[in-house]
Amino acid sequence: MPIPPKDTVERVVWYARRVGLTLAGTAVLTLGVITLVTPGPAFLLIPLGLALLSAAGFAWAQRAQASAKREGRRQARNARRRLEARRRGPRVDSRPKR
């Protein structure tokens, strides 16, 4: 957790920002989890909620966000490979059959 500033006004603003980000992040993340089982953009809301909580300074949200980014990149890479394989067509075996 980041250290709050020494000045009273800056400290109030810092805590207000942290509370606001925490409430917004929790609400968006909760909506994302709800939309996993109901129709809705869960795969947009969950990363957005994690980003808000990460900005508020929660280490677990930062780790979850980093893990989600890695998994998203891996899934995108796999999807591109499958798409390229589909565009090339079926594999043709050039060896004679026995």
C-alpha atoms as a PDB file:
ATOM      1  CA  MET A   1       0.000   0.000   0.000  1.00  0.00           C
ATOM      2  CA  PRO A   2       1.374   3.428  -0.894  1.00  0.00           C
ATOM      3  CA  ILE A   3       2.170   5.805   1.957  1.00  0.00           C
ATOM      4  CA  PRO A   4      -0.289   8.713   2.305  1.00  0.00           C
ATOM      5  CA  PRO A   5       1.083  12.266   2.100  1.00  0.00           C
ATOM      6  CA  LYS A   6       1.881  14.309   5.239  1.00  0.00           C
ATOM      7  CA  ASP A   7      -0.223  17.363   4.370  1.00  0.00           C
ATOM      8  CA  THR A   8      -3.766  17.156   5.764  1.00  0.00           C
ATOM      9  CA  VAL A   9      -5.557  18.303   2.603  1.00  0.00           C
ATOM     10  CA  GLU A  10      -3.507  16.011   0.374  1.00  0.00           C
ATOM     11  CA  ARG A  11      -4.127  13.147   2.781  1.00  0.00           C
ATOM     12  CA  VAL A  12      -7.907  13.680   2.666  1.00  0.00           C
ATOM     13  CA  VAL A  13      -7.807  13.761  -1.139  1.00  0.00           C
ATOM     14  CA  TRP A  14      -5.593  10.645  -1.177  1.00  0.00           C
ATOM     15  CA  TYR A  15      -7.950   8.683   1.083  1.00  0.00           C
ATOM     16  CA  ALA A  16     -11.038   9.914  -0.808  1.00  0.00           C
ATOM     17  CA  ARG A  17      -9.495   8.775  -4.098  1.00  0.00           C
ATOM     18  CA  ARG A  18      -8.586   5.402  -2.600  1.00  0.00           C
ATOM     19  CA  VAL A  19     -12.085   4.882  -1.162  1.00  0.00           C
ATOM     20  CA  GLY A  20     -13.689   5.966  -4.445  1.00  0.00           C
ATOM     21  CA  LEU A  21     -11.513   3.624  -6.507  1.00  0.00           C
ATOM     22  CA  THR A  22     -12.157   0.789  -4.055  1.00  0.00           C
ATOM     23  CA  LEU A  23     -15.935   1.231  -4.165  1.00  0.00           C
ATOM     24  CA  ALA A  24     -16.017   1.629  -7.951  1.00  0.00           C
ATOM     25  CA  GLY A  25     -13.672  -1.319  -8.500  1.00  0.00           C
ATOM     26  CA  THR A  26     -15.646  -3.562  -6.155  1.00  0.00           C
ATOM     27  CA  ALA A  27     -18.924  -2.639  -7.845  1.00  0.00           C
ATOM     28  CA  VAL A  28     -17.587  -3.213 -11.363  1.00  0.00           C
ATOM     29  CA  LEU A  29     -15.871  -6.471 -10.381  1.00  0.00           C
ATOM     30  CA  THR A  30     -19.072  -7.716  -8.711  1.00  0.00           C
ATOM     31  CA  LEU A  31     -21.081  -6.867 -11.835  1.00  0.00           C
ATOM     32  CA  GLY A  32     -18.514  -8.727 -13.917  1.00  0.00           C
ATOM     33  CA  VAL A  33     -18.795 -11.836 -11.761  1.00  0.00           C
ATOM     34  CA  ILE A  34     -22.606 -11.657 -11.949  1.00  0.00           C
ATOM     35  CA  THR A  35     -22.463 -11.381 -15.738  1.00  0.00           C
ATOM     36  CA  LEU A  36     -20.463 -14.603 -15.917  1.00  0.00           C
ATOM     37  CA  VAL A  37     -23.717 -16.488 -15.330  1.00  0.00           C
ATOM     38  CA  THR A  38     -26.099 -13.952 -16.900  1.00  0.00           C
ATOM     39  CA  PRO A  39     -25.915 -12.267 -20.302  1.00  0.00           C
ATOM     40  CA  GLY A  40     -23.473  -9.391 -20.272  1.00  0.00           C
ATOM     41  CA  PRO A  41     -19.926  -8.220 -20.932  1.00  0.00           C
ATOM     42  CA  ALA A  42     -18.168 -10.114 -18.122  1.00  0.00           C
ATOM     43  CA  PHE A  43     -14.873 -10.253 -19.992  1.00  0.00           C
ATOM     44  CA  LEU A  44     -14.832  -6.458 -20.110  1.00  0.00           C
ATOM     45  CA  LEU A  45     -16.111  -5.721 -16.611  1.00  0.00           C
ATOM     46  CA  ILE A  46     -13.816  -8.063 -14.679  1.00  0.00           C
ATOM     47  CA  PRO A  47     -10.536  -6.613 -16.062  1.00  0.00           C
ATOM     48  CA  LEU A  48     -11.912  -3.092 -15.595  1.00  0.00           C
ATOM     49  CA  GLY A  49     -12.786  -3.829 -11.961  1.00  0.00           C
ATOM     50  CA  LEU A  50      -9.347  -5.330 -11.380  1.00  0.00           C
ATOM     51  CA  ALA A  51      -7.724  -2.258 -12.942  1.00  0.00           C
ATOM     52  CA  LEU A  52      -9.659   0.061 -10.627  1.00  0.00           C
ATOM     53  CA  LEU A  53      -8.760  -1.997  -7.560  1.00  0.00           C
ATOM     54  CA  SER A  54      -5.165  -2.177  -8.740  1.00  0.00           C
ATOM     55  CA  ALA A  55      -5.080   1.611  -9.035  1.00  0.00           C
ATOM     56  CA  ALA A  56      -6.378   1.797  -5.462  1.00  0.00           C
ATOM     57  CA  GLY A  57      -3.265  -0.072  -4.357  1.00  0.00           C
ATOM     58  CA  PHE A  58      -4.466  -3.622  -3.747  1.00  0.00           C
ATOM     59  CA  ALA A  59      -1.590  -6.018  -4.426  1.00  0.00           C
ATOM     60  CA  TRP A  60      -3.852  -9.035  -5.015  1.00  0.00           C
ATOM     61  CA  ALA A  61      -5.710  -7.088  -7.736  1.00  0.00           C
ATOM     62  CA  GLN A  62      -2.403  -6.187  -9.382  1.00  0.00           C
ATOM     63  CA  ARG A  63      -1.360  -9.851  -9.417  1.00  0.00           C
ATOM     64  CA  ALA A  64      -4.754 -10.970 -10.743  1.00  0.00           C
ATOM     65  CA  GLN A  65      -4.648  -8.299 -13.441  1.00  0.00           C
ATOM     66  CA  ALA A  66      -1.155  -9.340 -14.530  1.00  0.00           C
ATOM     67  CA  SER A  67      -2.213 -12.976 -14.641  1.00  0.00           C
ATOM     68  CA  ALA A  68      -5.313 -12.105 -16.688  1.00  0.00           C
ATOM     69  CA  LYS A  69      -3.175 -10.122 -19.150  1.00  0.00           C
ATOM     70  CA  ARG A  70      -0.773 -13.039 -19.582  1.00  0.00           C
ATOM     71  CA  GLU A  71      -3.641 -15.480 -20.115  1.00  0.00           C
ATOM     72  CA  GLY A  72      -5.354 -13.113 -22.561  1.00  0.00           C
ATOM     73  CA  ARG A  73      -2.176 -12.784 -24.625  1.00  0.00           C
ATOM     74  CA  ARG A  74      -1.739 -16.569 -24.609  1.00  0.00           C
ATOM     75  CA  GLN A  75      -5.323 -17.128 -25.746  1.00  0.00           C
ATOM     76  CA  ALA A  76      -4.982 -14.492 -28.498  1.00  0.00           C
ATOM     77  CA  ARG A  77      -1.787 -16.146 -29.729  1.00  0.00           C
ATOM     78  CA  ASN A  78      -3.504 -19.547 -29.831  1.00  0.00           C
ATOM     79  CA  ALA A  79      -6.504 -18.092 -31.661  1.00  0.00           C
ATOM     80  CA  ARG A  80      -4.212 -16.540 -34.295  1.00  0.00           C
ATOM     81  CA  ARG A  81      -2.460 -19.879 -34.794  1.00  0.00           C
ATOM     82  CA  ARG A  82      -5.767 -21.699 -35.229  1.00  0.00           C
ATOM     83  CA  LEU A  83      -6.994 -19.060 -37.675  1.00  0.00           C
ATOM     84  CA  GLU A  84      -3.815 -19.299 -39.752  1.00  0.00           C
ATOM     85  CA  ALA A  85      -4.065 -23.102 -39.788  1.00  0.00           C
ATOM     86  CA  ARG A  86      -7.677 -22.865 -40.944  1.00  0.00           C
ATOM     87  CA  ARG A  87      -6.732 -20.433 -43.732  1.00  0.00           C
ATOM     88  CA  ARG A  88      -3.991 -22.780 -44.956  1.00  0.00           C
ATOM     89  CA  GLY A  89      -6.461 -25.622 -45.225  1.00  0.00           C
ATOM     90  CA  PRO A  90      -6.121 -29.223 -44.172  1.00  0.00           C
ATOM     91  CA  ARG A  91      -2.681 -30.753 -43.999  1.00  0.00           C
ATOM     92  CA  VAL A  92      -1.798 -32.949 -46.909  1.00  0.00           C
ATOM     93  CA  ASP A  93       0.480 -35.859 -46.192  1.00  0.00           C
ATOM     94  CA  SER A  94       2.959 -36.181 -49.077  1.00  0.00           C
ATOM     95  CA  ARG A  95       4.207 -39.603 -47.971  1.00  0.00           C
ATOM     96  CA  PRO A  96       2.755 -42.588 -49.780  1.00  0.00           C
ATOM     97  CA  LYS A  97       0.375 -44.756 -47.803  1.00  0.00           C
ATOM     98  CA  ARG A  98       1.388 -48.353 -47.099  1.00  0.00           C
END
